């Protein structure tokens, strides 16, 4: 009887269920995530998703498509639109920013070949400068021109800039030879699924925050369209980390969603970093989760899947411990036949594996057809249809 009881205890105490509880759930959860285009770096990421309460969203390329289009060219009385496109387009052609791509593409469509640029300098978060055809050219935001002692005095150009910003568009200043001569109006479309994704994040108890280097009015316009109430605008790339840190200092547990080189530091400093796979490699390297799809719904899917995987692990561990706690005393008292103990032990392992396999049923809110529709992989077409206002 003692030998039988000892054998039953040894069988029932086999830690198979405990050993399987976590790795099977991780394996199935991360595998299902990979099928849905969600790449999770490590198990510690799952625990972080449980505690986050704030999601910081980069605007360009995350909430919006990132495919900028040049809509209007406003010039002063002494400048032609072709002259503006020739100089600004040539300078922007040396940059990889989405706004620069739109301006350079429109200039190339209008003029053909663009001039060579000398002494090109990209001023992070502010614009570009260089020499084109003997002219010292500046293209960028107000702060860049202010640093050069230039101000926008032309009433028509001032009105054009204010009108663009009120409509949620981006106004780019163009100056050369010490004078601001044009305002280029560039627009970026909001992804069709962004509003629904923001609503899902809110339903999870998360507070979305829009973070961008664009002007305040344009940022607020986009935020209203997708249902975000908190906006942090006109932030330089280096200051994005400070914005995330400020939220953390206020007691927030912050997730950051971004796609560009400018977002990499913020992604690394956030409690949870999610990078769009349609963005840059450095952003994906800095993030904890990579979203292969260029759809903000993927961020909501990633958080939901991570939370469900963590819940499955906890369920597995609970039943594995409960099984041992209940069955070992029965086996020690000789009340459990070794054959029944073996069956119970096998059942506990099967239960843990089966419970983990339930994660395979997790579904995304988007379909593969939606992914193509919302992807913002850089295109090779040239922006067309801008309007000229002199």
Protein backbone atom coordinates (compact mmCIF):
# COMPACT_ATOMS: atom_id res chain seq x y z
CA UNK A 1 0.00 0.00 0.00
CA UNK A 2 2.85 2.35 0.85
CA UNK A 3 4.59 1.56 -2.43
CA UNK A 4 1.35 2.13 -4.36
CA UNK A 5 0.83 5.46 -2.63
CA UNK A 6 4.41 6.51 -3.35
CA UNK A 7 4.06 5.63 -7.03
CA UNK A 8 0.76 7.55 -7.22
CA UNK A 9 2.38 10.61 -5.61
CA UNK A 10 5.32 10.49 -8.02
CA UNK A 11 2.99 10.23 -11.01
CA UNK A 12 0.53 12.89 -9.91
CA UNK A 13 3.35 15.28 -8.95
CA UNK A 14 4.93 15.11 -12.41
CA UNK A 15 5.40 18.80 -13.38
CA UNK A 16 4.47 18.32 -17.04
CA UNK A 17 1.49 20.67 -16.82
CA UNK A 18 3.52 23.32 -15.02
CA UNK A 19 6.30 22.99 -17.57
CA UNK A 20 3.89 23.30 -20.48
CA UNK A 21 1.73 26.10 -19.08
CA UNK A 22 3.85 29.05 -20.22
CA UNK A 23 5.78 27.88 -23.31
CA UNK A 24 2.75 26.41 -25.11
CA UNK A 25 0.75 29.61 -24.67
CA UNK A 26 3.73 31.70 -25.82
CA UNK A 27 4.32 29.44 -28.80
CA UNK A 28 0.71 29.51 -29.96
CA UNK A 29 0.21 33.22 -29.16
CA UNK A 30 3.34 34.44 -30.91
CA UNK A 31 2.73 32.06 -33.82
CA UNK A 32 -0.79 33.38 -34.28
CA UNK A 33 0.58 36.90 -34.03
CA UNK A 34 3.08 36.16 -36.80
CA UNK A 35 0.22 34.91 -38.99
CA UNK A 36 -1.54 38.23 -38.41
CA UNK A 37 1.59 40.29 -39.03
CA UNK A 38 2.39 40.92 -35.34
CA UNK A 39 5.97 40.07 -34.33
CA UNK A 40 6.52 39.99 -30.54
CA UNK A 41 10.15 40.11 -29.39
CA UNK A 42 9.92 38.43 -25.99
CA UNK A 43 7.67 37.17 -23.18
CA UNK A 44 8.28 40.25 -21.02
CA UNK A 45 6.34 42.26 -23.61
CA UNK A 46 3.17 40.41 -22.62
CA UNK A 47 3.37 41.60 -19.04
CA UNK A 48 3.87 45.21 -20.16
CA UNK A 49 0.70 45.16 -22.26
CA UNK A 50 -1.29 44.40 -19.12
CA UNK A 51 -0.20 47.61 -17.39
CA UNK A 52 -0.14 50.25 -20.16
CA UNK A 53 -2.78 52.96 -19.89
CA UNK A 54 -1.63 55.51 -22.52
CA UNK A 55 -0.87 55.03 -26.22
CA UNK A 56 1.18 57.72 -27.97
CA UNK A 57 0.56 57.70 -31.73
CA UNK A 58 2.91 59.30 -34.23
CA UNK A 59 0.86 61.09 -36.90
CA UNK A 60 2.65 60.75 -40.23
CA UNK A 61 2.75 57.17 -41.48
CA UNK A 62 0.92 55.82 -38.43
CA UNK A 63 -2.43 57.60 -38.18
CA UNK A 64 -2.09 58.98 -41.71
CA UNK A 65 -0.90 57.24 -44.87
CA UNK A 66 2.41 59.09 -45.04
CA UNK A 67 1.87 59.65 -48.77
CA UNK A 68 2.04 63.41 -49.00
CA UNK A 69 0.67 65.29 -52.01
CA UNK A 70 1.50 68.83 -53.08
CA UNK A 71 -1.85 70.61 -53.37
CA UNK A 72 -1.07 74.32 -53.80
CA UNK A 73 1.84 76.60 -54.64
CA UNK A 74 1.38 80.17 -53.37
CA UNK A 75 3.99 82.70 -54.48
CA UNK A 76 4.62 86.40 -53.97
CA UNK A 77 4.09 88.88 -56.78
CA UNK A 78 7.68 88.73 -58.05
CA UNK A 79 8.05 84.96 -58.20
CA UNK A 80 6.74 82.38 -60.66
CA UNK A 81 5.52 78.94 -59.67
CA UNK A 82 8.07 77.26 -61.99
CA UNK A 83 10.90 79.08 -60.24
CA UNK A 84 9.66 77.92 -56.85
CA UNK A 85 9.28 74.33 -58.01
CA UNK A 86 12.71 74.37 -59.67
CA UNK A 87 14.55 75.50 -56.56
CA UNK A 88 12.45 73.90 -53.81
CA UNK A 89 11.99 70.67 -55.77
CA UNK A 90 15.71 70.27 -56.42
CA UNK A 91 16.53 70.85 -52.75
CA UNK A 92 13.81 68.52 -51.46
CA UNK A 93 14.87 65.83 -53.91
CA UNK A 94 17.93 65.29 -51.74
CA UNK A 95 15.76 64.52 -48.69
CA UNK A 96 13.82 61.32 -47.86
CA UNK A 97 11.06 62.96 -45.80
CA UNK A 98 7.50 62.28 -47.08
CA UNK A 99 6.85 66.03 -47.51
CA UNK A 100 10.09 66.38 -49.47
CA UNK A 101 9.13 63.44 -51.68
CA UNK A 102 5.79 65.08 -52.53
CA UNK A 103 7.38 68.42 -53.42
CA UNK A 104 10.21 66.88 -55.45
CA UNK A 105 7.80 64.57 -57.28
CA UNK A 106 5.50 67.42 -58.26
CA UNK A 107 8.48 69.50 -59.42
CA UNK A 108 9.80 66.66 -61.54
CA UNK A 109 6.38 66.10 -63.09
CA UNK A 110 6.17 69.79 -64.01
CA UNK A 111 9.77 70.49 -65.04
CA UNK A 112 11.39 67.17 -65.81
CA UNK A 113 15.00 66.97 -64.65
CA UNK A 114 15.94 68.87 -61.49
CA UNK A 115 19.07 70.90 -60.82
CA UNK A 116 22.03 69.71 -58.77
CA UNK A 117 22.21 70.70 -55.09
CA UNK A 118 25.35 71.85 -53.29
CA UNK A 119 26.00 72.07 -49.55
CA UNK A 120 22.77 70.23 -48.73
CA UNK A 121 21.91 70.12 -45.02
CA UNK A 122 18.96 68.42 -43.37
CA UNK A 123 18.00 70.23 -40.15
CA UNK A 124 16.22 67.59 -38.12
CA UNK A 125 12.56 68.35 -37.61
CA UNK A 126 12.79 71.79 -39.20
CA UNK A 127 13.56 71.48 -42.91
CA UNK A 128 16.41 71.57 -45.40
CA UNK A 129 18.86 74.09 -46.77
CA UNK A 130 21.36 74.16 -49.60
CA UNK A 131 22.57 75.93 -52.70
CA UNK A 132 20.67 75.49 -55.98
CA UNK A 133 21.75 77.26 -59.15
CA UNK A 134 23.69 79.81 -57.10
CA UNK A 135 20.79 80.57 -54.71
CA UNK A 136 20.90 79.88 -50.97
CA UNK A 137 17.57 78.07 -50.57
CA UNK A 138 15.63 77.24 -47.39
CA UNK A 139 12.59 74.95 -47.34
CA UNK A 140 10.86 74.09 -44.09
CA UNK A 141 8.82 75.24 -41.13
CA UNK A 142 8.66 78.73 -39.61
CA UNK A 143 11.30 78.00 -36.99
CA UNK A 144 13.93 77.25 -39.66
CA UNK A 145 13.37 80.59 -41.35
CA UNK A 146 13.25 82.39 -38.01
CA UNK A 147 16.70 81.00 -37.20
CA UNK A 148 17.90 82.74 -40.36
CA UNK A 149 16.26 86.02 -39.34
CA UNK A 150 13.44 85.74 -41.89
CA UNK A 151 9.77 86.46 -41.22
CA UNK A 152 6.64 86.05 -43.32
CA UNK A 153 5.51 89.61 -44.07
CA UNK A 154 3.56 89.11 -47.30
CA UNK A 155 -0.17 89.25 -46.39
CA UNK A 156 -1.19 86.87 -49.20
CA UNK A 157 1.36 84.26 -48.18
CA UNK A 158 0.39 84.68 -44.53
CA UNK A 159 -3.28 84.13 -45.41
CA UNK A 160 -2.36 81.06 -47.48
CA UNK A 161 -0.43 79.54 -44.60
CA UNK A 162 -3.21 80.21 -42.09
CA UNK A 163 -5.84 78.80 -44.44
CA UNK A 164 -3.83 75.61 -44.98
CA UNK A 165 -3.26 75.08 -41.28
CA UNK A 166 -6.94 75.67 -40.51
CA UNK A 167 -7.81 72.94 -43.03
CA UNK A 168 -5.44 70.48 -41.37
CA UNK A 169 -2.83 70.75 -44.12
CA UNK A 170 0.90 71.37 -43.83
CA UNK A 171 2.33 74.70 -44.97
CA UNK A 172 5.99 74.67 -46.06
CA UNK A 173 7.89 77.95 -46.37
CA UNK A 174 10.29 78.50 -49.28
CA UNK A 175 12.93 81.23 -49.15
CA UNK A 176 16.06 82.08 -51.07
CA UNK A 177 18.50 84.96 -51.18
CA UNK A 178 17.22 86.29 -47.85
CA UNK A 179 13.50 86.50 -48.66
CA UNK A 180 10.46 84.23 -48.14
CA UNK A 181 8.97 83.84 -51.60
CA UNK A 182 6.43 81.00 -51.47
CA UNK A 183 4.21 78.77 -49.36
CA UNK A 184 3.75 75.17 -50.47
CA UNK A 185 0.64 73.39 -49.16
CA UNK A 186 1.03 69.65 -48.64
CA UNK A 187 -1.64 67.24 -47.40
CA UNK A 188 -1.53 63.73 -45.96
CA UNK A 189 -4.64 61.54 -46.00
CA UNK A 190 -5.85 59.81 -42.85
CA UNK A 191 -5.87 56.02 -43.10
CA UNK A 192 -9.42 54.68 -43.49
CA UNK A 193 -9.10 52.43 -40.43
CA UNK A 194 -7.45 54.89 -38.02
CA UNK A 195 -10.68 56.16 -36.42
CA UNK A 196 -11.91 52.60 -35.78
CA UNK A 197 -8.51 51.62 -34.36
CA UNK A 198 -8.52 54.60 -31.97
CA UNK A 199 -12.02 53.63 -30.83
CA UNK A 200 -10.77 50.09 -30.11
CA UNK A 201 -7.85 51.41 -28.08
CA UNK A 202 -10.25 53.52 -26.03
CA UNK A 203 -12.49 50.48 -25.49
CA UNK A 204 -9.47 48.69 -24.00
CA UNK A 205 -9.20 51.44 -21.39
CA UNK A 206 -6.27 53.19 -23.07
CA UNK A 207 -5.87 56.95 -23.57
CA UNK A 208 -4.62 57.83 -27.08
CA UNK A 209 -2.28 60.80 -27.53
CA UNK A 210 -1.32 62.23 -30.93
CA UNK A 211 2.38 63.21 -31.15
CA UNK A 212 3.71 65.09 -34.17
CA UNK A 213 6.15 67.69 -35.38
CA UNK A 214 3.45 69.32 -37.50
CA UNK A 215 1.79 72.57 -36.53
CA UNK A 216 -0.85 72.60 -33.81
CA UNK A 217 -3.85 73.32 -36.04
CA UNK A 218 -3.04 70.57 -38.53
CA UNK A 219 -2.48 68.10 -35.69
CA UNK A 220 -5.75 69.06 -34.01
CA UNK A 221 -7.60 68.60 -37.29
CA UNK A 222 -6.29 65.03 -37.67
CA UNK A 223 -6.99 64.31 -34.01
CA UNK A 224 -10.61 65.40 -34.35
CA UNK A 225 -11.05 63.21 -37.41
CA UNK A 226 -9.93 60.04 -35.60
CA UNK A 227 -11.33 60.82 -32.14
CA UNK A 228 -8.21 61.78 -30.18
CA UNK A 229 -8.58 64.53 -27.59
CA UNK A 230 -4.96 64.95 -26.44
CA UNK A 231 -2.48 66.44 -28.94
CA UNK A 232 1.24 67.17 -28.56
CA UNK A 233 2.29 69.10 -31.67
CA UNK A 234 5.27 71.02 -33.07
CA UNK A 235 7.68 68.62 -31.39
CA UNK A 236 11.20 68.21 -32.72
CA UNK A 237 12.36 64.58 -33.21
CA UNK A 238 14.74 64.84 -30.26
CA UNK A 239 11.89 66.11 -28.08
CA UNK A 240 9.64 63.11 -28.74
CA UNK A 241 11.57 61.22 -26.07
CA UNK A 242 10.95 64.07 -23.64
CA UNK A 243 7.22 63.97 -24.43
CA UNK A 244 7.09 60.24 -23.65
CA UNK A 245 9.19 60.71 -20.51
CA UNK A 246 6.92 63.54 -19.32
CA UNK A 247 3.91 61.22 -19.54
CA UNK A 248 5.82 58.55 -17.64
CA UNK A 249 6.77 61.08 -14.95
CA UNK A 250 3.06 61.81 -14.57
CA UNK A 251 2.53 58.19 -13.60
CA UNK A 252 1.44 56.92 -17.02
CA UNK A 253 2.53 53.57 -18.43
CA UNK A 254 3.15 54.49 -22.06
CA UNK A 255 3.03 52.56 -25.31
CA UNK A 256 4.44 54.33 -28.38
CA UNK A 257 3.40 53.56 -31.96
CA UNK A 258 5.60 54.98 -34.72
CA UNK A 259 7.28 54.18 -38.01
CA UNK A 260 10.13 56.57 -38.77
CA UNK A 261 13.74 57.20 -37.88
CA UNK A 262 12.54 60.16 -35.81
CA UNK A 263 10.45 57.80 -33.67
CA UNK A 264 13.16 55.28 -32.82
CA UNK A 265 14.36 56.93 -29.61
CA UNK A 266 10.80 57.42 -28.35
CA UNK A 267 9.96 53.78 -29.18
CA UNK A 268 12.96 52.64 -27.15
CA UNK A 269 12.16 54.88 -24.16
CA UNK A 270 8.47 53.97 -23.97
CA UNK A 271 7.34 51.14 -21.71
CA UNK A 272 6.09 49.36 -24.84
CA UNK A 273 7.22 50.21 -28.36
CA UNK A 274 5.22 49.22 -31.44
CA UNK A 275 6.74 49.89 -34.87
CA UNK A 276 4.94 49.83 -38.17
CA UNK A 277 6.62 47.29 -40.44
CA UNK A 278 6.06 49.64 -43.37
CA UNK A 279 8.40 52.12 -41.69
CA UNK A 280 12.17 52.20 -41.18
CA UNK A 281 14.42 49.39 -39.98
CA UNK A 282 15.77 51.44 -37.07
CA UNK A 283 12.24 51.95 -35.73
CA UNK A 284 11.52 48.21 -35.90
CA UNK A 285 14.83 47.45 -34.17
CA UNK A 286 13.99 49.83 -31.31
CA UNK A 287 10.45 48.50 -30.78
CA UNK A 288 9.19 45.59 -28.69
CA UNK A 289 6.52 44.65 -31.23
CA UNK A 290 6.69 45.01 -35.01
CA UNK A 291 3.42 45.43 -36.91
CA UNK A 292 3.95 44.11 -40.41
CA UNK A 293 0.70 45.63 -41.61
CA UNK A 294 0.57 49.37 -42.22
CA UNK A 295 -2.73 49.56 -40.36
CA UNK A 296 -3.23 51.11 -36.93
CA UNK A 297 -5.71 48.30 -36.19
CA UNK A 298 -2.65 46.06 -35.98
CA UNK A 299 -1.58 47.95 -32.83
CA UNK A 300 -4.95 47.23 -31.21
CA UNK A 301 -4.70 43.60 -32.36
CA UNK A 302 -1.20 43.30 -30.88
CA UNK A 303 -2.28 44.59 -27.48
CA UNK A 304 -5.40 42.42 -27.47
CA UNK A 305 -3.45 39.29 -28.49
CA UNK A 306 -0.70 39.92 -25.94
CA UNK A 307 -3.27 40.38 -23.17
CA UNK A 308 -5.14 37.24 -24.21
CA UNK A 309 -1.89 35.24 -24.29
CA UNK A 310 -0.99 36.46 -20.81
CA UNK A 311 -4.47 35.53 -19.55
CA UNK A 312 -4.07 32.05 -21.06
CA UNK A 313 -0.72 31.57 -19.30
CA UNK A 314 -2.28 32.53 -15.96
CA UNK A 315 -5.20 30.14 -16.54
CA UNK A 316 -2.80 27.32 -17.40
CA UNK A 317 -0.70 27.92 -14.28
CA UNK A 318 -3.77 28.12 -12.04
CA UNK A 319 -5.17 24.78 -13.15
CA UNK A 320 -1.75 23.11 -13.13
CA UNK A 321 -1.22 24.18 -9.50
CA UNK A 322 -4.80 23.40 -8.52
CA UNK A 323 -4.49 19.91 -9.99
CA UNK A 324 -1.37 19.18 -7.93
CA UNK A 325 -2.70 20.77 -4.76
CA UNK A 326 -5.89 18.68 -4.94
CA UNK A 327 -4.47 15.38 -6.16
CA UNK A 328 -1.18 14.98 -4.24
CA UNK A 329 -2.86 14.66 -0.78
CA UNK A 330 -5.25 12.04 -2.20
CA UNK A 331 -2.34 10.09 -3.65
CA UNK A 332 -0.34 10.33 -0.40
CA UNK A 333 -3.30 8.94 1.58
CA UNK A 334 -3.52 5.95 -0.77
CA UNK A 335 -6.88 7.06 -2.13
CA UNK A 336 -5.71 7.37 -5.74
CA UNK A 337 -4.83 4.38 -7.90
CA UNK A 338 -1.59 4.85 -9.89
CA UNK A 339 -3.52 4.14 -13.09
CA UNK A 340 -5.98 6.94 -12.31
CA UNK A 341 -3.05 9.16 -11.30
CA UNK A 342 -1.44 8.58 -14.68
CA UNK A 343 -4.68 9.38 -16.47
CA UNK A 344 -5.16 12.55 -14.40
CA UNK A 345 -1.58 13.65 -15.05
CA UNK A 346 -2.01 13.14 -18.79
CA UNK A 347 -5.33 14.97 -18.71
CA UNK A 348 -3.76 18.00 -17.02
CA UNK A 349 -1.13 18.23 -19.74
CA UNK A 350 -3.74 17.83 -22.47
CA UNK A 351 -5.86 20.52 -20.82
CA UNK A 352 -2.97 23.01 -20.72
CA UNK A 353 -2.08 22.38 -24.37
CA UNK A 354 -5.71 22.52 -25.49
CA UNK A 355 -6.32 25.74 -23.60
CA UNK A 356 -3.26 27.28 -25.26
CA UNK A 357 -4.42 26.16 -28.71
CA UNK A 358 -7.55 28.25 -28.23
CA UNK A 359 -5.36 31.25 -29.05
CA UNK A 360 -5.33 30.06 -32.66
CA UNK A 361 -8.90 31.28 -32.88
CA UNK A 362 -7.84 34.89 -32.23
CA UNK A 363 -8.88 37.00 -35.20
CA UNK A 364 -7.89 40.43 -36.43
CA UNK A 365 -10.39 43.21 -37.01
CA UNK A 366 -9.00 43.63 -40.54
CA UNK A 367 -8.73 41.31 -43.49
CA UNK A 368 -5.79 40.86 -45.86
CA UNK A 369 -7.68 42.99 -48.39
CA UNK A 370 -7.72 45.87 -45.92
CA UNK A 371 -3.97 45.58 -45.40
CA UNK A 372 -3.25 46.41 -49.01
CA UNK A 373 -5.69 49.27 -48.94
CA UNK A 374 -4.10 50.90 -45.91
CA UNK A 375 -0.45 50.14 -46.55
CA UNK A 376 1.74 53.18 -47.11
CA UNK A 377 4.75 51.56 -48.70
CA UNK A 378 6.48 54.32 -50.65
CA UNK A 379 5.11 54.41 -54.18
CA UNK A 380 6.93 55.14 -57.38
CA UNK A 381 4.22 57.33 -58.94
CA UNK A 382 4.69 61.07 -59.22
CA UNK A 383 2.28 63.34 -57.33
CA UNK A 384 -0.01 65.12 -59.73
CA UNK A 385 -2.71 67.73 -59.73
CA UNK A 386 -1.33 70.46 -57.47
CA UNK A 387 -2.84 73.91 -57.86
CA UNK A 388 -0.84 77.08 -58.43
CA UNK A 389 -1.81 80.39 -56.82
CA UNK A 390 0.44 83.35 -57.48
